[in-house]
Amino acid sequence: MDVPELLESASLLVPEETATENDITVRDVWDYLVHDEWEIALSLLEEFGHARSLPLAFWEKLAESADQLKLERSAAWCHWRCSEIRNGVIRADLTLRPAAEARRKTPISGAGVLRPMWDIGLLSPTGERAVSIAGLWIENMPMLEPGGRATVRLVPLTPSHWTHVEPGRQITMHENRTVAGTAVILEVHRPAIAEPAG
């Protein structure tokens, strides 16, 4: 499919009564599509995804559109939302350790590139601390400096490891054996797509 077809198809997955914070509706998106304003239409469709939970197919179509339009950040976000639907998402308040106290001396990218290890209270078969990997997206910020604080979205690599994690729990982020940051869980959303039995 080409970009207009993908965006038209995605817009059909948005309930007609849905509106953004600025009262933009699907009809407005169609106006932009008719005038070949694909980037604006894509951006508005992404906003609908903030207002409500939309299906995986919606985000897949937006991701493919953004890829074709070569909109890197938008494509990364739409692919990220696909991962959230498949694996679940944990929103948390993360504070990184200051550069003087941690291994990391540079900012971390906010666009889901980093996949750190997290101590979420699991133990190995020998009783030692076990960590679980989750991708990290920083909300409303392009990057986070050492010592900084932000709301983040975590997508577990293995969702079954995270079933015991609940809001209010404190977890620690690791890039090596030392603690890189501390996070307090704000929200937990389980995978929308069941994991295959295996």
C-alpha atoms as a PDB file:
ATOM      1  CA  MET A   1       0.000   0.000   0.000  1.00  0.00           C
ATOM      2  CA  ASP A   2       1.108   3.550  -0.574  1.00  0.00           C
ATOM      3  CA  VAL A   3       0.963   6.292   2.065  1.00  0.00           C
ATOM      4  CA  PRO A   4      -2.521   7.666   1.265  1.00  0.00           C
ATOM      5  CA  GLU A   5      -4.032   4.163   1.298  1.00  0.00           C
ATOM      6  CA  LEU A   6      -2.315   3.321   4.587  1.00  0.00           C
ATOM      7  CA  LEU A   7      -3.488   6.531   6.241  1.00  0.00           C
ATOM      8  CA  GLU A   8      -7.033   6.126   4.916  1.00  0.00           C
ATOM      9  CA  SER A   9      -7.081   2.559   6.186  1.00  0.00           C
ATOM     10  CA  ALA A  10      -5.747   3.648   9.613  1.00  0.00           C
ATOM     11  CA  SER A  11      -8.319   6.450   9.879  1.00  0.00           C
ATOM     12  CA  LEU A  12     -11.115   3.909   9.385  1.00  0.00           C
ATOM     13  CA  LEU A  13      -9.968   2.199  12.603  1.00  0.00           C
ATOM     14  CA  VAL A  14     -10.609   5.363  14.661  1.00  0.00           C
ATOM     15  CA  PRO A  15     -14.173   5.544  16.040  1.00  0.00           C
ATOM     16  CA  GLU A  16     -15.990   8.483  14.418  1.00  0.00           C
ATOM     17  CA  GLU A  17     -16.817  10.154  17.754  1.00  0.00           C
ATOM     18  CA  THR A  18     -13.132  10.290  18.777  1.00  0.00           C
ATOM     19  CA  ALA A  19     -11.622  13.765  19.083  1.00  0.00           C
ATOM     20  CA  THR A  20      -8.197  15.026  20.145  1.00  0.00           C
ATOM     21  CA  GLU A  21      -7.639  17.552  22.939  1.00  0.00           C
ATOM     22  CA  ASN A  22      -7.991  20.261  20.256  1.00  0.00           C
ATOM     23  CA  ASP A  23     -11.332  18.830  19.010  1.00  0.00           C
ATOM     24  CA  ILE A  24      -9.783  17.419  15.828  1.00  0.00           C
ATOM     25  CA  THR A  25     -11.877  14.568  14.425  1.00  0.00           C
ATOM     26  CA  VAL A  26     -11.424  11.897  11.758  1.00  0.00           C
ATOM     27  CA  ARG A  27     -13.236  14.207   9.307  1.00  0.00           C
ATOM     28  CA  ASP A  28     -10.397  16.710   9.733  1.00  0.00           C
ATOM     29  CA  VAL A  29      -7.899  13.964   8.901  1.00  0.00           C
ATOM     30  CA  TRP A  30      -9.830  13.158   5.718  1.00  0.00           C
ATOM     31  CA  ASP A  31      -9.655  16.844   4.700  1.00  0.00           C
ATOM     32  CA  TYR A  32      -5.855  16.698   4.958  1.00  0.00           C
ATOM     33  CA  LEU A  33      -5.742  13.417   3.027  1.00  0.00           C
ATOM     34  CA  VAL A  34      -7.849  14.882   0.198  1.00  0.00           C
ATOM     35  CA  HIS A  35      -5.306  17.722  -0.095  1.00  0.00           C
ATOM     36  CA  ASP A  36      -2.289  15.331   0.021  1.00  0.00           C
ATOM     37  CA  GLU A  37      -1.150  16.703   3.412  1.00  0.00           C
ATOM     38  CA  TRP A  38       0.047  13.282   4.507  1.00  0.00           C
ATOM     39  CA  GLU A  39       2.457  14.343   7.249  1.00  0.00           C
ATOM     40  CA  ILE A  40      -0.245  16.418   8.957  1.00  0.00           C
ATOM     41  CA  ALA A  41      -2.749  13.557   8.627  1.00  0.00           C
ATOM     42  CA  LEU A  42      -0.206  11.148  10.129  1.00  0.00           C
ATOM     43  CA  SER A  43       0.503  13.507  13.017  1.00  0.00           C
ATOM     44  CA  LEU A  44      -3.215  13.897  13.773  1.00  0.00           C
ATOM     45  CA  LEU A  45      -3.776  10.154  13.643  1.00  0.00           C
ATOM     46  CA  GLU A  46      -0.941   9.689  16.155  1.00  0.00           C
ATOM     47  CA  GLU A  47      -2.796  12.097  18.473  1.00  0.00           C
ATOM     48  CA  PHE A  48      -5.894   9.876  18.357  1.00  0.00           C
ATOM     49  CA  GLY A  49      -3.730   7.110  19.772  1.00  0.00           C
ATOM     50  CA  HIS A  50      -3.036   9.256  22.855  1.00  0.00           C
ATOM     51  CA  ALA A  51      -6.750   9.728  23.493  1.00  0.00           C
ATOM     52  CA  ARG A  52      -7.767   6.081  23.403  1.00  0.00           C
ATOM     53  CA  SER A  53      -6.553   2.556  22.910  1.00  0.00           C
ATOM     54  CA  LEU A  54      -6.466   1.702  19.217  1.00  0.00           C
ATOM     55  CA  PRO A  55      -5.731  -1.708  17.638  1.00  0.00           C
ATOM     56  CA  LEU A  56      -2.354  -3.003  16.525  1.00  0.00           C
ATOM     57  CA  ALA A  57      -3.373  -2.653  12.845  1.00  0.00           C
ATOM     58  CA  PHE A  58      -3.806   1.117  13.351  1.00  0.00           C
ATOM     59  CA  TRP A  59      -0.246   1.546  14.629  1.00  0.00           C
ATOM     60  CA  GLU A  60       1.200  -0.821  12.003  1.00  0.00           C
ATOM     61  CA  LYS A  61      -0.337   1.282   9.212  1.00  0.00           C
ATOM     62  CA  LEU A  62       0.967   4.499  10.778  1.00  0.00           C
ATOM     63  CA  ALA A  63       4.437   2.973  11.201  1.00  0.00           C
ATOM     64  CA  GLU A  64       4.539   1.895   7.559  1.00  0.00           C
ATOM     65  CA  SER A  65       3.346   5.361   6.462  1.00  0.00           C
ATOM     66  CA  ALA A  66       5.996   7.094   8.578  1.00  0.00           C
ATOM     67  CA  ASP A  67       8.663   4.726   7.199  1.00  0.00           C
ATOM     68  CA  GLN A  68       7.643   5.557   3.615  1.00  0.00           C
ATOM     69  CA  LEU A  69       7.612   9.302   4.397  1.00  0.00           C
ATOM     70  CA  LYS A  70      11.069   8.914   6.051  1.00  0.00           C
ATOM     71  CA  LEU A  71       9.839  10.519   9.285  1.00  0.00           C
ATOM     72  CA  GLU A  72      12.274   8.774  11.652  1.00  0.00           C
ATOM     73  CA  ARG A  73      10.942   9.935  15.036  1.00  0.00           C
ATOM     74  CA  SER A  74       7.330   9.338  14.027  1.00  0.00           C
ATOM     75  CA  ALA A  75       8.194   5.895  12.639  1.00  0.00           C
ATOM     76  CA  ALA A  76      10.067   5.018  15.845  1.00  0.00           C
ATOM     77  CA  TRP A  77       7.055   6.093  17.939  1.00  0.00           C
ATOM     78  CA  CYS A  78       4.551   4.100  15.875  1.00  0.00           C
ATOM     79  CA  HIS A  79       6.746   0.968  15.942  1.00  0.00           C
ATOM     80  CA  TRP A  80       7.140   1.522  19.700  1.00  0.00           C
ATOM     81  CA  ARG A  81       3.340   1.624  20.138  1.00  0.00           C
ATOM     82  CA  CYS A  82       3.106  -1.690  18.246  1.00  0.00           C
ATOM     83  CA  SER A  83       5.572  -3.156  20.780  1.00  0.00           C
ATOM     84  CA  GLU A  84       3.476  -1.801  23.664  1.00  0.00           C
ATOM     85  CA  ILE A  85       0.395  -3.590  22.337  1.00  0.00           C
ATOM     86  CA  ARG A  86       2.302  -6.855  21.859  1.00  0.00           C
ATOM     87  CA  ASN A  87       4.362  -6.808  25.092  1.00  0.00           C
ATOM     88  CA  GLY A  88       2.546  -4.428  27.438  1.00  0.00           C
ATOM     89  CA  VAL A  89       3.865  -1.146  28.783  1.00  0.00           C
ATOM     90  CA  ILE A  90       4.893   0.100  32.198  1.00  0.00           C
ATOM     91  CA  ARG A  91       4.928   3.859  32.801  1.00  0.00           C
ATOM     92  CA  ALA A  92       7.353   4.950  35.529  1.00  0.00           C
ATOM     93  CA  ASP A  93       8.985   7.991  37.084  1.00  0.00           C
ATOM     94  CA  LEU A  94      12.718   7.462  36.429  1.00  0.00           C
ATOM     95  CA  THR A  95      15.602   9.309  38.097  1.00  0.00           C
ATOM     96  CA  LEU A  96      19.065   8.660  36.686  1.00  0.00           C
ATOM     97  CA  ARG A  97      22.072   8.741  38.993  1.00  0.00           C
ATOM     98  CA  PRO A  98      24.319  11.797  38.568  1.00  0.00           C
ATOM     99  CA  ALA A  99      27.351  11.403  36.286  1.00  0.00           C
ATOM    100  CA  ALA A 100      29.707  11.671  39.292  1.00  0.00           C
ATOM    101  CA  GLU A 101      28.060   8.589  40.877  1.00  0.00           C
ATOM    102  CA  ALA A 102      27.411   6.400  37.847  1.00  0.00           C
ATOM    103  CA  ARG A 103      29.136   4.810  34.885  1.00  0.00           C
ATOM    104  CA  ARG A 104      27.043   6.781  32.378  1.00  0.00           C
ATOM    105  CA  LYS A 105      28.385  10.254  31.641  1.00  0.00           C
ATOM    106  CA  THR A 106      26.253  11.015  28.569  1.00  0.00           C
ATOM    107  CA  PRO A 107      22.495  11.529  28.106  1.00  0.00           C
ATOM    108  CA  ILE A 108      20.289   8.609  27.098  1.00  0.00           C
ATOM    109  CA  SER A 109      18.184   8.821  23.945  1.00  0.00           C
ATOM    110  CA  GLY A 110      14.475   9.196  24.522  1.00  0.00           C
ATOM    111  CA  ALA A 111      13.349   7.401  21.365  1.00  0.00           C
ATOM    112  CA  GLY A 112      13.313   3.784  22.514  1.00  0.00           C
ATOM    113  CA  VAL A 113      16.895   2.939  21.532  1.00  0.00           C
ATOM    114  CA  LEU A 114      18.147   1.908  24.992  1.00  0.00           C
ATOM    115  CA  ARG A 115      17.187  -1.522  26.364  1.00  0.00           C
ATOM    116  CA  PRO A 116      18.590  -1.567  29.880  1.00  0.00           C
ATOM    117  CA  MET A 117      18.361  -4.293  32.485  1.00  0.00           C
ATOM    118  CA  TRP A 118      15.904  -3.842  35.365  1.00  0.00           C
ATOM    119  CA  ASP A 119      15.937  -5.303  38.856  1.00  0.00           C
ATOM    120  CA  ILE A 120      12.237  -5.982  39.378  1.00  0.00           C
ATOM    121  CA  GLY A 121      12.665  -8.348  42.324  1.00  0.00           C
ATOM    122  CA  LEU A 122      13.300 -11.601  40.454  1.00  0.00           C
ATOM    123  CA  LEU A 123      15.785 -14.196  41.677  1.00  0.00           C
ATOM    124  CA  SER A 124      17.829 -16.682  39.664  1.00  0.00           C
ATOM    125  CA  PRO A 125      17.540 -20.441  40.375  1.00  0.00           C
ATOM    126  CA  THR A 126      20.639 -20.061  42.620  1.00  0.00           C
ATOM    127  CA  GLY A 127      18.959 -17.290  44.640  1.00  0.00           C
ATOM    128  CA  GLU A 128      20.954 -14.401  43.183  1.00  0.00           C
ATOM    129  CA  ARG A 129      19.434 -11.207  41.831  1.00  0.00           C
ATOM    130  CA  ALA A 130      18.117 -11.640  38.286  1.00  0.00           C
ATOM    131  CA  VAL A 131      17.411  -8.790  35.912  1.00  0.00           C
ATOM    132  CA  SER A 132      14.922  -8.442  33.087  1.00  0.00           C
ATOM    133  CA  ILE A 133      15.342  -6.333  29.945  1.00  0.00           C
ATOM    134  CA  ALA A 134      12.874  -3.640  28.891  1.00  0.00           C
ATOM    135  CA  GLY A 135      13.099  -0.986  26.211  1.00  0.00           C
ATOM    136  CA  LEU A 136      12.950   2.628  27.393  1.00  0.00           C
ATOM    137  CA  TRP A 137      11.054   5.557  25.814  1.00  0.00           C
ATOM    138  CA  ILE A 138      11.224   8.954  27.526  1.00  0.00           C
ATOM    139  CA  GLU A 139       7.954  10.868  27.366  1.00  0.00           C
ATOM    140  CA  ASN A 140       8.049  14.440  26.016  1.00  0.00           C
ATOM    141  CA  MET A 141      11.859  14.679  25.981  1.00  0.00           C
ATOM    142  CA  PRO A 142      14.405  13.847  23.265  1.00  0.00           C
ATOM    143  CA  MET A 143      16.963  12.694  25.856  1.00  0.00           C
ATOM    144  CA  LEU A 144      17.616  12.473  29.596  1.00  0.00           C
ATOM    145  CA  GLU A 145      20.820  13.762  31.175  1.00  0.00           C
ATOM    146  CA  PRO A 146      22.605  11.912  34.009  1.00  0.00           C
ATOM    147  CA  GLY A 147      20.949  13.013  37.262  1.00  0.00           C
ATOM    148  CA  GLY A 148      17.756  13.906  35.349  1.00  0.00           C
ATOM    149  CA  ARG A 149      14.219  12.795  36.017  1.00  0.00           C
ATOM    150  CA  ALA A 150      11.399  11.975  33.579  1.00  0.00           C
ATOM    151  CA  THR A 151       8.322   9.874  33.003  1.00  0.00           C
ATOM    152  CA  VAL A 152       9.295   6.854  30.915  1.00  0.00           C
ATOM    153  CA  ARG A 153       7.565   4.008  29.117  1.00  0.00           C
ATOM    154  CA  LEU A 154       9.066   0.521  29.473  1.00  0.00           C
ATOM    155  CA  VAL A 155       8.330  -2.332  27.075  1.00  0.00           C
ATOM    156  CA  PRO A 156       9.396  -5.680  28.576  1.00  0.00           C
ATOM    157  CA  LEU A 157      11.358  -8.021  26.326  1.00  0.00           C
ATOM    158  CA  THR A 158       9.782 -10.933  28.255  1.00  0.00           C
ATOM    159  CA  PRO A 159       6.349  -9.779  29.494  1.00  0.00           C
ATOM    160  CA  SER A 160       5.884 -12.851  31.727  1.00  0.00           C
ATOM    161  CA  HIS A 161       8.765 -11.633  33.949  1.00  0.00           C
ATOM    162  CA  TRP A 162       6.804  -8.450  34.754  1.00  0.00           C
ATOM    163  CA  THR A 163       3.416  -9.868  35.817  1.00  0.00           C
ATOM    164  CA  HIS A 164       4.058  -9.131  39.519  1.00  0.00           C
ATOM    165  CA  VAL A 165       5.007  -5.463  38.941  1.00  0.00           C
ATOM    166  CA  GLU A 166       2.352  -3.056  40.238  1.00  0.00           C
ATOM    167  CA  PRO A 167       2.019   0.748  40.582  1.00  0.00           C
ATOM    168  CA  GLY A 168       3.988   2.153  43.527  1.00  0.00           C
ATOM    169  CA  ARG A 169       6.758  -0.431  43.302  1.00  0.00           C
ATOM    170  CA  GLN A 170      10.347   0.815  43.040  1.00  0.00           C
ATOM    171  CA  ILE A 171      12.673  -0.842  40.513  1.00  0.00           C
ATOM    172  CA  THR A 172      16.280  -0.147  39.549  1.00  0.00           C
ATOM    173  CA  MET A 173      17.837   0.335  36.123  1.00  0.00           C
ATOM    174  CA  HIS A 174      21.222  -1.201  35.289  1.00  0.00           C
ATOM    175  CA  GLU A 175      23.534  -0.829  32.317  1.00  0.00           C
ATOM    176  CA  ASN A 176      26.174  -2.914  34.129  1.00  0.00           C
ATOM    177  CA  ARG A 177      26.367  -4.259  37.692  1.00  0.00           C
ATOM    178  CA  THR A 178      25.933  -0.801  39.216  1.00  0.00           C
ATOM    179  CA  VAL A 179      22.602   1.006  39.589  1.00  0.00           C
ATOM    180  CA  ALA A 180      22.098   3.536  36.763  1.00  0.00           C
ATOM    181  CA  GLY A 181      18.754   4.843  37.965  1.00  0.00           C
ATOM    182  CA  THR A 182      15.700   4.267  40.130  1.00  0.00           C
ATOM    183  CA  ALA A 183      12.097   4.215  38.936  1.00  0.00           C
ATOM    184  CA  VAL A 184       8.730   4.180  40.661  1.00  0.00           C
ATOM    185  CA  ILE A 185       5.969   2.414  38.715  1.00  0.00           C
ATOM    186  CA  LEU A 186       3.039   4.692  37.805  1.00  0.00           C
ATOM    187  CA  GLU A 187       0.899   2.458  35.562  1.00  0.00           C
ATOM    188  CA  VAL A 188       0.971  -1.094  34.254  1.00  0.00           C
ATOM    189  CA  HIS A 189      -0.765  -2.149  31.035  1.00  0.00           C
ATOM    190  CA  ARG A 190      -0.600  -5.854  30.221  1.00  0.00           C
ATOM    191  CA  PRO A 191      -0.084  -7.047  26.631  1.00  0.00           C
ATOM    192  CA  ALA A 192      -3.176  -6.582  24.476  1.00  0.00           C
ATOM    193  CA  ILE A 193      -2.180  -9.631  22.424  1.00  0.00           C
ATOM    194  CA  ALA A 194      -1.888 -12.967  24.211  1.00  0.00           C
ATOM    195  CA  GLU A 195       1.553 -14.558  24.186  1.00  0.00           C
ATOM    196  CA  PRO A 196       1.677 -17.835  22.237  1.00  0.00           C
ATOM    197  CA  ALA A 197       1.648 -20.943  24.405  1.00  0.00           C
ATOM    198  CA  GLY A 198       4.996 -22.625  24.431  1.00  0.00           C
END
